[in-house]
Amino acid sequence: MQKPERYINHSCDSNTVPKNNCDVAIRKIEKGEEITSDYSKIESLDDFKCKCESKNCKLNLKCF
């Protein structure tokens, strides 16, 4: 991941998606809300155990 993407935390209930090397909002992001992305959509990452604790948490992420 490159700057600034490497500073965005993962969430299974993310508010952005990666698109053309940018993070694009998929819903309204409230003032002060953390910007998050679903790492399972990033090609260069290895599979990992998720600890995001969202109600939609996938627990084990398989990245492509």
C-alpha atoms as a PDB file:
ATOM      1  CA  MET A   1       0.000   0.000   0.000  1.00  0.00           C
ATOM      2  CA  GLN A   2       1.141   3.514  -0.744  1.00  0.00           C
ATOM      3  CA  LYS A   3       0.512   6.772   1.110  1.00  0.00           C
ATOM      4  CA  PRO A   4      -2.133   7.763   2.162  1.00  0.00           C
ATOM      5  CA  GLU A   5      -3.818   4.341   1.863  1.00  0.00           C
ATOM      6  CA  ARG A   6      -1.418   2.727   4.295  1.00  0.00           C
ATOM      7  CA  TYR A   7      -2.860   4.910   7.071  1.00  0.00           C
ATOM      8  CA  ILE A   8      -6.448   3.702   6.534  1.00  0.00           C
ATOM      9  CA  ASN A   9      -7.542   0.924   8.893  1.00  0.00           C
ATOM     10  CA  HIS A  10      -9.473  -2.169   7.871  1.00  0.00           C
ATOM     11  CA  SER A  11     -13.133  -2.770   8.661  1.00  0.00           C
ATOM     12  CA  CYS A  12     -15.456  -5.469   7.322  1.00  0.00           C
ATOM     13  CA  ASP A  13     -18.097  -2.706   7.449  1.00  0.00           C
ATOM     14  CA  SER A  14     -15.922  -0.122   5.677  1.00  0.00           C
ATOM     15  CA  ASN A  15     -16.993   3.307   4.469  1.00  0.00           C
ATOM     16  CA  THR A  16     -14.700   3.308   1.401  1.00  0.00           C
ATOM     17  CA  VAL A  17     -13.658   0.894  -1.336  1.00  0.00           C
ATOM     18  CA  PRO A  18     -10.390   0.862  -3.288  1.00  0.00           C
ATOM     19  CA  LYS A  19     -10.834   1.986  -6.898  1.00  0.00           C
ATOM     20  CA  ASN A  20      -8.073   2.951  -9.355  1.00  0.00           C
ATOM     21  CA  ASN A  21      -5.505   3.385  -6.544  1.00  0.00           C
ATOM     22  CA  CYS A  22      -7.857   5.657  -4.570  1.00  0.00           C
ATOM     23  CA  ASP A  23     -10.301   5.102  -1.735  1.00  0.00           C
ATOM     24  CA  VAL A  24     -13.827   6.092  -2.750  1.00  0.00           C
ATOM     25  CA  ALA A  25     -16.600   6.687  -0.207  1.00  0.00           C
ATOM     26  CA  ILE A  26     -19.492   4.224  -0.450  1.00  0.00           C
ATOM     27  CA  ARG A  27     -21.636   6.071   2.097  1.00  0.00           C
ATOM     28  CA  LYS A  28     -21.702   9.408   3.905  1.00  0.00           C
ATOM     29  CA  ILE A  29     -18.739   9.699   6.269  1.00  0.00           C
ATOM     30  CA  GLU A  30     -19.600  11.704   9.357  1.00  0.00           C
ATOM     31  CA  LYS A  31     -17.298  14.421  10.698  1.00  0.00           C
ATOM     32  CA  GLY A  32     -14.782  12.796  13.041  1.00  0.00           C
ATOM     33  CA  GLU A  33     -15.554   9.255  11.785  1.00  0.00           C
ATOM     34  CA  GLU A  34     -12.549   7.080  10.978  1.00  0.00           C
ATOM     35  CA  ILE A  35     -12.051   6.354   7.277  1.00  0.00           C
ATOM     36  CA  THR A  36     -11.854   2.587   6.755  1.00  0.00           C
ATOM     37  CA  SER A  37     -11.461   0.180   3.850  1.00  0.00           C
ATOM     38  CA  ASP A  38     -12.035  -3.546   3.374  1.00  0.00           C
ATOM     39  CA  TYR A  39      -8.527  -4.992   3.008  1.00  0.00           C
ATOM     40  CA  SER A  40      -9.884  -8.176   1.403  1.00  0.00           C
ATOM     41  CA  LYS A  41     -10.320  -6.117  -1.782  1.00  0.00           C
ATOM     42  CA  ILE A  42      -6.591  -5.267  -1.954  1.00  0.00           C
ATOM     43  CA  GLU A  43      -4.605  -7.615  -4.204  1.00  0.00           C
ATOM     44  CA  SER A  44      -1.178  -7.252  -2.601  1.00  0.00           C
ATOM     45  CA  LEU A  45      -2.087  -8.412   0.912  1.00  0.00           C
ATOM     46  CA  ASP A  46      -1.890 -11.886   2.427  1.00  0.00           C
ATOM     47  CA  ASP A  47      -4.859 -13.568   4.107  1.00  0.00           C
ATOM     48  CA  PHE A  48      -5.286 -12.518   7.736  1.00  0.00           C
ATOM     49  CA  LYS A  49      -7.464 -12.866  10.835  1.00  0.00           C
ATOM     50  CA  CYS A  50      -9.714  -9.857  11.278  1.00  0.00           C
ATOM     51  CA  LYS A  51     -10.123  -8.079  14.597  1.00  0.00           C
ATOM     52  CA  CYS A  52     -12.329  -5.175  13.483  1.00  0.00           C
ATOM     53  CA  GLU A  53     -15.217  -6.258  15.744  1.00  0.00           C
ATOM     54  CA  SER A  54     -17.873  -4.848  13.398  1.00  0.00           C
ATOM     55  CA  LYS A  55     -21.224  -6.631  13.380  1.00  0.00           C
ATOM     56  CA  ASN A  56     -20.411  -7.795   9.818  1.00  0.00           C
ATOM     57  CA  CYS A  57     -16.916  -9.075  10.706  1.00  0.00           C
ATOM     58  CA  LYS A  58     -15.736 -11.884   8.402  1.00  0.00           C
ATOM     59  CA  LEU A  59     -13.145 -13.093  11.005  1.00  0.00           C
ATOM     60  CA  ASN A  60     -10.792 -14.689   8.449  1.00  0.00           C
ATOM     61  CA  LEU A  61     -10.096 -12.656   5.331  1.00  0.00           C
ATOM     62  CA  LYS A  62      -9.054 -14.240   2.062  1.00  0.00           C
ATOM     63  CA  CYS A  63      -7.369 -11.591  -0.059  1.00  0.00           C
ATOM     64  CA  PHE A  64      -7.063 -12.059  -3.810  1.00  0.00           C
END
